[in-house]
Amino acid sequence: MKTKTITGNIKLPKNKKLCRLYRQLGEFAENTDRLPDAYQVKKNPNSSAPLELLPMVF
């Protein structure tokens, strides 16, 4: 699958709540991009999805 990278700068808003939201979004994007380390892999073994999520899967 071909990925598309969008680069650029955003102007920080004067609204503090919106500024915090942008910062949290950036941190989330960085965390999803990195691979888990060995400790995290051992700590979270694979498990089945909860029954409540079954309709979402199928």
Protein backbone atom coordinates (compact mmCIF):
# COMPACT_ATOMS: atom_id res chain seq x y z
CA MET A 1 0.00 0.00 0.00
CA LYS A 2 1.40 3.36 -0.97
CA THR A 3 1.51 5.91 1.82
CA LYS A 4 1.12 9.61 1.38
CA THR A 5 3.06 11.98 3.61
CA ILE A 6 1.66 15.43 4.17
CA THR A 7 4.11 17.96 5.54
CA GLY A 8 3.69 21.53 6.54
CA ASN A 9 3.31 23.91 9.42
CA ILE A 10 0.25 24.89 11.35
CA LYS A 11 -0.28 28.22 13.03
CA LEU A 12 -0.84 27.78 16.73
CA PRO A 13 -4.24 29.04 17.80
CA LYS A 14 -4.67 31.59 20.55
CA ASN A 15 -7.30 29.35 22.16
CA LYS A 16 -5.51 27.31 24.88
CA LYS A 17 -7.88 24.34 24.64
CA LEU A 18 -7.35 24.05 20.90
CA CYS A 19 -3.60 24.41 21.33
CA ARG A 20 -3.60 21.56 23.87
CA LEU A 21 -5.72 19.44 21.52
CA TYR A 22 -3.21 19.95 18.69
CA ARG A 23 -0.34 19.00 21.00
CA GLN A 24 -2.12 15.84 22.17
CA LEU A 25 -2.93 14.90 18.59
CA GLY A 26 0.72 15.27 17.63
CA GLU A 27 1.86 13.13 20.56
CA PHE A 28 -0.70 10.48 19.66
CA ALA A 29 0.51 10.43 16.05
CA GLU A 30 4.12 10.00 17.20
CA ASN A 31 3.17 7.15 19.56
CA THR A 32 1.23 5.25 16.90
CA ASP A 33 4.17 5.52 14.51
CA ARG A 34 6.71 3.84 16.80
CA LEU A 35 7.12 0.10 17.31
CA PRO A 36 6.57 -1.32 20.80
CA ASP A 37 9.65 -2.39 22.72
CA ALA A 38 10.23 -5.93 23.98
CA TYR A 39 8.91 -5.17 27.48
CA GLN A 40 5.59 -3.92 26.14
CA VAL A 41 5.23 -6.96 23.87
CA LYS A 42 5.79 -9.36 26.77
CA LYS A 43 3.47 -7.36 29.03
CA ASN A 44 0.53 -7.42 26.57
CA PRO A 45 0.02 -10.93 25.21
CA ASN A 46 -2.44 -11.43 22.35
CA SER A 47 -5.98 -11.97 23.51
CA SER A 48 -9.41 -12.34 21.99
CA ALA A 49 -11.66 -9.35 21.45
CA PRO A 50 -14.40 -8.83 24.05
CA LEU A 51 -17.83 -10.17 23.12
CA GLU A 52 -19.23 -6.63 23.14
CA LEU A 53 -17.02 -5.76 20.14
CA LEU A 54 -18.01 -8.82 18.11
CA PRO A 55 -20.70 -7.01 16.03
CA MET A 56 -18.13 -4.33 15.10
CA VAL A 57 -15.72 -6.97 13.76
CA PHE A 58 -18.26 -8.73 11.54
